[in-house]
Amino acid sequence: MHPMVRDLYKRVIHVGYDYPLGLDYVRKTWKKVLRNPDNCPSCFDEHKNQIVSPSPACEREIRKAVGKGRAYIREMIGIIQLKKYRVMKKRYDNHDFRQQSQELLEKSKAQ
């Protein structure tokens, strides 16, 4: 496995711990994507379906694919942050809490 691809997979696993669908989903999906010969056709032997020795064209395709993978990781981080924001908002943006705090303020002003 190319070192850049290995590093990408490590990043995915690190981000996958907090992903809403879980680490197992992330691991299965990314393994399937990384092993797909359609993502880097010049790196695979068509007849044997095995990885061949790296060529300059293969290196370019790997760099391009890793760039796309890093973009997907940023998307995953955005989804995680949105999930955390929604949970915090749901937890602390309670209307009953607002009413109680307003009532307490009115009582303290009245005294």
C-alpha atoms as a PDB file:
ATOM      1  CA  MET A   1       0.000   0.000   0.000  1.00  0.00           C
ATOM      2  CA  HIS A   2       1.257   3.436  -0.897  1.00  0.00           C
ATOM      3  CA  PRO A   3       2.265   5.523   2.165  1.00  0.00           C
ATOM      4  CA  MET A   4      -0.094   8.354   1.192  1.00  0.00           C
ATOM      5  CA  VAL A   5      -3.009   5.931   0.983  1.00  0.00           C
ATOM      6  CA  ARG A   6      -2.078   4.418   4.349  1.00  0.00           C
ATOM      7  CA  ASP A   7      -1.955   7.894   5.896  1.00  0.00           C
ATOM      8  CA  LEU A   8      -5.349   8.710   4.361  1.00  0.00           C
ATOM      9  CA  TYR A   9      -6.846   5.545   5.834  1.00  0.00           C
ATOM     10  CA  LYS A  10      -5.437   6.387   9.272  1.00  0.00           C
ATOM     11  CA  ARG A  11      -7.040   9.820   9.061  1.00  0.00           C
ATOM     12  CA  VAL A  12     -10.351   8.264   8.072  1.00  0.00           C
ATOM     13  CA  ILE A  13     -10.275   5.889  11.022  1.00  0.00           C
ATOM     14  CA  HIS A  14      -9.446   8.756  13.374  1.00  0.00           C
ATOM     15  CA  VAL A  15     -12.378  10.818  12.079  1.00  0.00           C
ATOM     16  CA  GLY A  16     -14.635   7.748  11.946  1.00  0.00           C
ATOM     17  CA  TYR A  17     -14.703   7.396  15.731  1.00  0.00           C
ATOM     18  CA  ASP A  18     -17.088  10.374  15.950  1.00  0.00           C
ATOM     19  CA  TYR A  19     -18.964   9.768  12.693  1.00  0.00           C
ATOM     20  CA  PRO A  20     -22.748   9.475  13.237  1.00  0.00           C
ATOM     21  CA  LEU A  21     -23.083   6.119  11.422  1.00  0.00           C
ATOM     22  CA  GLY A  22     -20.258   4.595  13.427  1.00  0.00           C
ATOM     23  CA  LEU A  23     -16.726   3.382  12.933  1.00  0.00           C
ATOM     24  CA  ASP A  24     -17.766   0.027  11.454  1.00  0.00           C
ATOM     25  CA  TYR A  25     -19.666   1.747   8.643  1.00  0.00           C
ATOM     26  CA  VAL A  26     -16.739   4.048   7.893  1.00  0.00           C
ATOM     27  CA  ARG A  27     -14.223   1.205   7.958  1.00  0.00           C
ATOM     28  CA  LYS A  28     -16.256  -1.040   5.631  1.00  0.00           C
ATOM     29  CA  THR A  29     -17.052   1.738   3.182  1.00  0.00           C
ATOM     30  CA  TRP A  30     -13.521   3.063   2.916  1.00  0.00           C
ATOM     31  CA  LYS A  31     -11.963  -0.389   2.596  1.00  0.00           C
ATOM     32  CA  LYS A  32     -14.302  -1.110  -0.275  1.00  0.00           C
ATOM     33  CA  VAL A  33     -13.420   2.204  -1.927  1.00  0.00           C
ATOM     34  CA  LEU A  34      -9.666   1.802  -1.449  1.00  0.00           C
ATOM     35  CA  ARG A  35      -9.678  -1.686  -2.937  1.00  0.00           C
ATOM     36  CA  ASN A  36     -11.773  -0.694  -5.949  1.00  0.00           C
ATOM     37  CA  PRO A  37      -9.639  -0.830  -9.145  1.00  0.00           C
ATOM     38  CA  ASP A  38     -11.813   1.821 -10.813  1.00  0.00           C
ATOM     39  CA  ASN A  39     -10.343   4.505  -8.548  1.00  0.00           C
ATOM     40  CA  CYS A  40      -6.819   4.038  -9.918  1.00  0.00           C
ATOM     41  CA  PRO A  41      -6.959   2.025 -13.163  1.00  0.00           C
ATOM     42  CA  SER A  42      -3.290   2.371 -14.126  1.00  0.00           C
ATOM     43  CA  CYS A  43      -2.214   0.884 -10.783  1.00  0.00           C
ATOM     44  CA  PHE A  44      -4.047  -2.419 -11.326  1.00  0.00           C
ATOM     45  CA  ASP A  45      -3.353  -5.253 -13.731  1.00  0.00           C
ATOM     46  CA  GLU A  46      -6.567  -5.792 -15.686  1.00  0.00           C
ATOM     47  CA  HIS A  47      -6.126  -9.545 -16.089  1.00  0.00           C
ATOM     48  CA  LYS A  48      -4.958 -10.496 -12.605  1.00  0.00           C
ATOM     49  CA  ASN A  49      -6.761  -7.673 -10.734  1.00  0.00           C
ATOM     50  CA  GLN A  50      -3.604  -7.049  -8.689  1.00  0.00           C
ATOM     51  CA  ILE A  51      -1.558  -3.967  -7.967  1.00  0.00           C
ATOM     52  CA  VAL A  52       1.387  -3.512 -10.332  1.00  0.00           C
ATOM     53  CA  SER A  53       4.656  -1.667  -9.755  1.00  0.00           C
ATOM     54  CA  PRO A  54       4.117   2.095  -9.481  1.00  0.00           C
ATOM     55  CA  SER A  55       4.634   4.180 -12.584  1.00  0.00           C
ATOM     56  CA  PRO A  56       4.597   7.980 -12.948  1.00  0.00           C
ATOM     57  CA  ALA A  57       1.017   7.822 -14.244  1.00  0.00           C
ATOM     58  CA  CYS A  58       0.047   5.681 -11.274  1.00  0.00           C
ATOM     59  CA  GLU A  59       1.708   8.142  -8.899  1.00  0.00           C
ATOM     60  CA  ARG A  60      -0.317  11.018 -10.391  1.00  0.00           C
ATOM     61  CA  GLU A  61      -3.550   9.056 -10.053  1.00  0.00           C
ATOM     62  CA  ILE A  62      -2.751   8.167  -6.455  1.00  0.00           C
ATOM     63  CA  ARG A  63      -2.090  11.811  -5.579  1.00  0.00           C
ATOM     64  CA  LYS A  64      -5.317  12.848  -7.278  1.00  0.00           C
ATOM     65  CA  ALA A  65      -7.317  10.154  -5.466  1.00  0.00           C
ATOM     66  CA  VAL A  66      -5.738  11.049  -2.113  1.00  0.00           C
ATOM     67  CA  GLY A  67      -6.712  14.682  -2.697  1.00  0.00           C
ATOM     68  CA  LYS A  68     -10.308  13.624  -3.251  1.00  0.00           C
ATOM     69  CA  GLY A  69     -10.132  11.434  -0.162  1.00  0.00           C
ATOM     70  CA  ARG A  70      -8.959  14.344   1.958  1.00  0.00           C
ATOM     71  CA  ALA A  71     -11.888  16.387   0.661  1.00  0.00           C
ATOM     72  CA  TYR A  72     -14.226  13.587   1.758  1.00  0.00           C
ATOM     73  CA  ILE A  73     -12.602  13.622   5.182  1.00  0.00           C
ATOM     74  CA  ARG A  74     -13.320  17.349   5.465  1.00  0.00           C
ATOM     75  CA  GLU A  75     -16.948  16.577   4.555  1.00  0.00           C
ATOM     76  CA  MET A  76     -17.052  13.944   7.298  1.00  0.00           C
ATOM     77  CA  ILE A  77     -15.670  16.444   9.809  1.00  0.00           C
ATOM     78  CA  GLY A  78     -18.364  18.918   8.768  1.00  0.00           C
ATOM     79  CA  ILE A  79     -21.068  16.304   9.327  1.00  0.00           C
ATOM     80  CA  ILE A  80     -19.641  15.500  12.760  1.00  0.00           C
ATOM     81  CA  GLN A  81     -19.562  19.180  13.735  1.00  0.00           C
ATOM     82  CA  LEU A  82     -23.139  19.654  12.535  1.00  0.00           C
ATOM     83  CA  LYS A  83     -24.257  16.663  14.601  1.00  0.00           C
ATOM     84  CA  LYS A  84     -22.528  18.021  17.699  1.00  0.00           C
ATOM     85  CA  TYR A  85     -24.045  21.476  17.129  1.00  0.00           C
ATOM     86  CA  ARG A  86     -27.535  20.034  16.809  1.00  0.00           C
ATOM     87  CA  VAL A  87     -27.144  18.000  19.983  1.00  0.00           C
ATOM     88  CA  MET A  88     -25.897  21.026  21.937  1.00  0.00           C
ATOM     89  CA  LYS A  89     -28.670  23.215  20.569  1.00  0.00           C
ATOM     90  CA  LYS A  90     -31.279  20.614  21.432  1.00  0.00           C
ATOM     91  CA  ARG A  91     -29.841  20.217  24.897  1.00  0.00           C
ATOM     92  CA  TYR A  92     -29.564  23.903  25.801  1.00  0.00           C
ATOM     93  CA  ASP A  93     -32.177  25.590  23.631  1.00  0.00           C
ATOM     94  CA  ASN A  94     -35.117  24.372  25.665  1.00  0.00           C
ATOM     95  CA  HIS A  95     -38.121  26.715  25.798  1.00  0.00           C
ATOM     96  CA  ASP A  96     -39.036  25.594  29.315  1.00  0.00           C
ATOM     97  CA  PHE A  97     -35.586  26.629  30.477  1.00  0.00           C
ATOM     98  CA  ARG A  98     -36.067  30.074  28.924  1.00  0.00           C
ATOM     99  CA  GLN A  99     -39.437  30.514  30.612  1.00  0.00           C
ATOM    100  CA  GLN A 100     -38.038  29.464  33.973  1.00  0.00           C
ATOM    101  CA  SER A 101     -35.112  31.850  33.667  1.00  0.00           C
ATOM    102  CA  GLN A 102     -37.432  34.734  32.694  1.00  0.00           C
ATOM    103  CA  GLU A 103     -39.676  33.989  35.688  1.00  0.00           C
ATOM    104  CA  LEU A 104     -36.655  34.003  37.987  1.00  0.00           C
ATOM    105  CA  LEU A 105     -35.538  37.337  36.560  1.00  0.00           C
ATOM    106  CA  GLU A 106     -38.975  38.850  37.081  1.00  0.00           C
ATOM    107  CA  LYS A 107     -39.093  37.592  40.673  1.00  0.00           C
ATOM    108  CA  SER A 108     -35.657  39.021  41.422  1.00  0.00           C
ATOM    109  CA  LYS A 109     -36.646  42.401  39.925  1.00  0.00           C
ATOM    110  CA  ALA A 110     -39.879  42.468  41.927  1.00  0.00           C
ATOM    111  CA  GLN A 111     -38.039  42.037  45.226  1.00  0.00           C
END
